[in-house]
Amino acid sequence: MLVPALVGAAVWATWPISRAQDLQRGAQLYAEHCAACHGAQLEGQPDWQIMREDGVMPAPPHDETGHTWHHDDAMLIDYILRGGKAVLDDLDVRMTSGMPAFGDILENDDIIAILAYIKSTWPARIQALQAARNSD
């Protein structure tokens, strides 16, 4: 498992991915690991901004209508690696996320490919806004 503090050096050394075969692999991995909750078309679950009766927030969309692009790459990777509960607890956010940890399931290259696929679906303006969050 990748330690989140090492994300910048270890995972993103090969970023960005733009080759068609890598984006296709990202789409396949997304379908296998993410689409059940986040939707086959990245649309998220219905009423994703409203907490369910069980106290869990529904899975948000990963298209431009969601908030994925509001976060820098380090946060997105951390969320995928450790899951929503661990990340939100560290941030002292009192909300329950149903996002499981994938650190023991996905390899670093898998995470890169999935995020590259998601980003490839965004309009250029959204891609630029999210990229700017990584320039700090």
C-alpha atoms as a PDB file:
ATOM      1  CA  MET A   1       0.000   0.000   0.000  1.00  0.00           C
ATOM      2  CA  LEU A   2       1.162   3.495  -0.792  1.00  0.00           C
ATOM      3  CA  VAL A   3       1.596   5.856   2.138  1.00  0.00           C
ATOM      4  CA  PRO A   4      -0.462   8.993   1.388  1.00  0.00           C
ATOM      5  CA  ALA A   5       2.417  11.296   2.343  1.00  0.00           C
ATOM      6  CA  LEU A   6       4.455   9.795  -0.473  1.00  0.00           C
ATOM      7  CA  VAL A   7       1.736  10.242  -3.055  1.00  0.00           C
ATOM      8  CA  GLY A   8       3.332  13.125  -4.908  1.00  0.00           C
ATOM      9  CA  ALA A   9       6.651  11.408  -5.376  1.00  0.00           C
ATOM     10  CA  ALA A  10       5.551   7.837  -5.908  1.00  0.00           C
ATOM     11  CA  VAL A  11       2.211   7.792  -7.661  1.00  0.00           C
ATOM     12  CA  TRP A  12       2.224  10.913  -9.773  1.00  0.00           C
ATOM     13  CA  ALA A  13       5.671  10.447 -11.250  1.00  0.00           C
ATOM     14  CA  THR A  14       3.895   9.079 -14.331  1.00  0.00           C
ATOM     15  CA  TRP A  15       1.007  11.578 -14.383  1.00  0.00           C
ATOM     16  CA  PRO A  16      -0.726  12.563 -16.618  1.00  0.00           C
ATOM     17  CA  ILE A  17      -1.923   9.595 -18.607  1.00  0.00           C
ATOM     18  CA  SER A  18      -3.269  10.430 -22.007  1.00  0.00           C
ATOM     19  CA  ARG A  19      -2.622   7.394 -24.171  1.00  0.00           C
ATOM     20  CA  ALA A  20      -5.859   5.853 -25.400  1.00  0.00           C
ATOM     21  CA  GLN A  21      -4.962   2.385 -24.082  1.00  0.00           C
ATOM     22  CA  ASP A  22      -4.352   3.771 -20.579  1.00  0.00           C
ATOM     23  CA  LEU A  23      -7.646   5.668 -20.594  1.00  0.00           C
ATOM     24  CA  GLN A  24      -9.404   2.516 -21.782  1.00  0.00           C
ATOM     25  CA  ARG A  25      -7.797   0.591 -18.920  1.00  0.00           C
ATOM     26  CA  GLY A  26      -8.953   3.321 -16.528  1.00  0.00           C
ATOM     27  CA  ALA A  27     -12.490   3.016 -17.886  1.00  0.00           C
ATOM     28  CA  GLN A  28     -12.400  -0.757 -17.380  1.00  0.00           C
ATOM     29  CA  LEU A  29     -11.097  -0.401 -13.824  1.00  0.00           C
ATOM     30  CA  TYR A  30     -13.712   2.272 -13.106  1.00  0.00           C
ATOM     31  CA  ALA A  31     -16.449  -0.071 -14.362  1.00  0.00           C
ATOM     32  CA  GLU A  32     -15.120  -2.886 -12.183  1.00  0.00           C
ATOM     33  CA  HIS A  33     -14.441  -0.988  -8.948  1.00  0.00           C
ATOM     34  CA  CYS A  34     -16.367   2.299  -8.999  1.00  0.00           C
ATOM     35  CA  ALA A  35     -19.451   2.188 -11.224  1.00  0.00           C
ATOM     36  CA  ALA A  36     -21.603   0.160  -8.822  1.00  0.00           C
ATOM     37  CA  CYS A  37     -21.754   3.185  -6.520  1.00  0.00           C
ATOM     38  CA  HIS A  38     -20.733   6.158  -8.681  1.00  0.00           C
ATOM     39  CA  GLY A  39     -22.662   5.092 -11.796  1.00  0.00           C
ATOM     40  CA  ALA A  40     -21.665   3.672 -15.154  1.00  0.00           C
ATOM     41  CA  GLN A  41     -21.811   7.175 -16.638  1.00  0.00           C
ATOM     42  CA  LEU A  42     -20.152   8.797 -13.579  1.00  0.00           C
ATOM     43  CA  GLU A  43     -23.579  10.156 -12.588  1.00  0.00           C
ATOM     44  CA  GLY A  44     -23.461   9.226  -8.900  1.00  0.00           C
ATOM     45  CA  GLN A  45     -26.387   8.078  -6.805  1.00  0.00           C
ATOM     46  CA  PRO A  46     -29.733   9.890  -6.766  1.00  0.00           C
ATOM     47  CA  ASP A  47     -29.971  12.734  -4.259  1.00  0.00           C
ATOM     48  CA  TRP A  48     -26.239  12.445  -3.607  1.00  0.00           C
ATOM     49  CA  GLN A  49     -26.208  15.709  -1.642  1.00  0.00           C
ATOM     50  CA  ILE A  50     -28.799  14.500   0.877  1.00  0.00           C
ATOM     51  CA  MET A  51     -27.795  12.206   3.733  1.00  0.00           C
ATOM     52  CA  ARG A  52     -29.624   8.863   3.683  1.00  0.00           C
ATOM     53  CA  GLU A  53     -31.698   7.679   6.642  1.00  0.00           C
ATOM     54  CA  ASP A  54     -28.801   5.447   7.736  1.00  0.00           C
ATOM     55  CA  GLY A  55     -26.582   8.530   8.081  1.00  0.00           C
ATOM     56  CA  VAL A  56     -24.407   7.764   5.060  1.00  0.00           C
ATOM     57  CA  MET A  57     -23.927  10.219   2.225  1.00  0.00           C
ATOM     58  CA  PRO A  58     -24.728   8.719  -1.205  1.00  0.00           C
ATOM     59  CA  ALA A  59     -21.908   8.362  -3.717  1.00  0.00           C
ATOM     60  CA  PRO A  60     -21.396  11.635  -5.606  1.00  0.00           C
ATOM     61  CA  PRO A  61     -21.054  11.900  -9.366  1.00  0.00           C
ATOM     62  CA  HIS A  62     -17.582  11.994 -10.841  1.00  0.00           C
ATOM     63  CA  ASP A  63     -18.688  14.032 -13.838  1.00  0.00           C
ATOM     64  CA  GLU A  64     -18.543  17.821 -13.858  1.00  0.00           C
ATOM     65  CA  THR A  65     -21.780  18.075 -11.834  1.00  0.00           C
ATOM     66  CA  GLY A  66     -20.130  16.560  -8.763  1.00  0.00           C
ATOM     67  CA  HIS A  67     -17.351  17.799  -6.516  1.00  0.00           C
ATOM     68  CA  THR A  68     -14.530  15.423  -7.458  1.00  0.00           C
ATOM     69  CA  TRP A  69     -12.859  18.181  -9.457  1.00  0.00           C
ATOM     70  CA  HIS A  70     -12.980  20.480  -6.412  1.00  0.00           C
ATOM     71  CA  HIS A  71     -10.222  18.380  -4.785  1.00  0.00           C
ATOM     72  CA  ASP A  72      -6.531  18.114  -5.563  1.00  0.00           C
ATOM     73  CA  ASP A  73      -4.995  14.836  -6.682  1.00  0.00           C
ATOM     74  CA  ALA A  74      -3.487  14.095  -3.267  1.00  0.00           C
ATOM     75  CA  MET A  75      -6.932  14.234  -1.631  1.00  0.00           C
ATOM     76  CA  LEU A  76      -8.495  12.056  -4.325  1.00  0.00           C
ATOM     77  CA  ILE A  77      -5.749   9.457  -4.006  1.00  0.00           C
ATOM     78  CA  ASP A  78      -5.961   9.475  -0.216  1.00  0.00           C
ATOM     79  CA  TYR A  79      -9.732   8.976  -0.384  1.00  0.00           C
ATOM     80  CA  ILE A  80      -9.306   6.018  -2.737  1.00  0.00           C
ATOM     81  CA  LEU A  81      -6.490   4.463  -0.708  1.00  0.00           C
ATOM     82  CA  ARG A  82      -7.901   4.860   2.807  1.00  0.00           C
ATOM     83  CA  GLY A  83     -11.624   5.290   2.226  1.00  0.00           C
ATOM     84  CA  GLY A  84     -13.969   8.063   3.208  1.00  0.00           C
ATOM     85  CA  LYS A  85     -14.214   7.342   6.919  1.00  0.00           C
ATOM     86  CA  ALA A  86     -10.467   7.531   7.558  1.00  0.00           C
ATOM     87  CA  VAL A  87     -10.006  10.708   5.534  1.00  0.00           C
ATOM     88  CA  LEU A  88     -13.024  12.470   7.021  1.00  0.00           C
ATOM     89  CA  ASP A  89     -12.003  11.457  10.547  1.00  0.00           C
ATOM     90  CA  ASP A  90      -8.546  12.961   9.954  1.00  0.00           C
ATOM     91  CA  LEU A  91     -10.193  16.182   8.777  1.00  0.00           C
ATOM     92  CA  ASP A  92     -12.539  16.153  11.786  1.00  0.00           C
ATOM     93  CA  VAL A  93     -15.546  16.109   9.460  1.00  0.00           C
ATOM     94  CA  ARG A  94     -18.583  14.640  11.178  1.00  0.00           C
ATOM     95  CA  MET A  95     -20.228  12.996   8.214  1.00  0.00           C
ATOM     96  CA  THR A  96     -20.345   9.354   7.204  1.00  0.00           C
ATOM     97  CA  SER A  97     -19.022   8.343   3.815  1.00  0.00           C
ATOM     98  CA  GLY A  98     -19.780   4.958   2.331  1.00  0.00           C
ATOM     99  CA  MET A  99     -16.559   5.021   0.298  1.00  0.00           C
ATOM    100  CA  PRO A 100     -14.513   1.921   1.121  1.00  0.00           C
ATOM    101  CA  ALA A 101     -10.725   1.827   1.158  1.00  0.00           C
ATOM    102  CA  PHE A 102      -9.140   0.432  -1.995  1.00  0.00           C
ATOM    103  CA  GLY A 103      -5.514   0.542  -0.853  1.00  0.00           C
ATOM    104  CA  ASP A 104      -5.328  -3.241  -0.569  1.00  0.00           C
ATOM    105  CA  ILE A 105      -7.199  -3.789  -3.842  1.00  0.00           C
ATOM    106  CA  LEU A 106      -5.869  -1.289  -6.379  1.00  0.00           C
ATOM    107  CA  GLU A 107      -2.264  -0.805  -7.440  1.00  0.00           C
ATOM    108  CA  ASN A 108      -0.850   2.707  -7.804  1.00  0.00           C
ATOM    109  CA  ASP A 109      -1.058   2.485 -11.595  1.00  0.00           C
ATOM    110  CA  ASP A 110      -4.708   1.439 -11.290  1.00  0.00           C
ATOM    111  CA  ILE A 111      -5.516   4.556  -9.275  1.00  0.00           C
ATOM    112  CA  ILE A 112      -3.707   6.740 -11.793  1.00  0.00           C
ATOM    113  CA  ALA A 113      -5.618   5.133 -14.657  1.00  0.00           C
ATOM    114  CA  ILE A 114      -9.006   5.509 -12.950  1.00  0.00           C
ATOM    115  CA  LEU A 115      -8.442   9.168 -12.135  1.00  0.00           C
ATOM    116  CA  ALA A 116      -7.121   9.825 -15.635  1.00  0.00           C
ATOM    117  CA  TYR A 117     -10.257   8.265 -17.099  1.00  0.00           C
ATOM    118  CA  ILE A 118     -12.536  10.323 -14.837  1.00  0.00           C
ATOM    119  CA  LYS A 119     -10.661  13.528 -15.668  1.00  0.00           C
ATOM    120  CA  SER A 120     -10.772  12.745 -19.397  1.00  0.00           C
ATOM    121  CA  THR A 121     -14.568  12.976 -19.305  1.00  0.00           C
ATOM    122  CA  TRP A 122     -14.585  16.520 -17.902  1.00  0.00           C
ATOM    123  CA  PRO A 123     -14.865  19.590 -20.112  1.00  0.00           C
ATOM    124  CA  ALA A 124     -11.561  21.430 -20.645  1.00  0.00           C
ATOM    125  CA  ARG A 125     -12.605  24.234 -18.268  1.00  0.00           C
ATOM    126  CA  ILE A 126     -13.222  21.780 -15.409  1.00  0.00           C
ATOM    127  CA  GLN A 127      -9.962  19.955 -16.147  1.00  0.00           C
ATOM    128  CA  ALA A 128      -8.099  23.265 -15.924  1.00  0.00           C
ATOM    129  CA  LEU A 129      -9.794  24.243 -12.659  1.00  0.00           C
ATOM    130  CA  GLN A 130      -8.903  20.903 -11.067  1.00  0.00           C
ATOM    131  CA  ALA A 131      -5.346  21.020 -12.417  1.00  0.00           C
ATOM    132  CA  ALA A 132      -4.900  24.433 -10.790  1.00  0.00           C
ATOM    133  CA  ARG A 133      -5.629  22.841  -7.412  1.00  0.00           C
ATOM    134  CA  ASN A 134      -2.482  20.741  -7.880  1.00  0.00           C
ATOM    135  CA  SER A 135      -0.131  23.622  -8.610  1.00  0.00           C
ATOM    136  CA  ASP A 136       0.357  24.730  -4.995  1.00  0.00           C
END
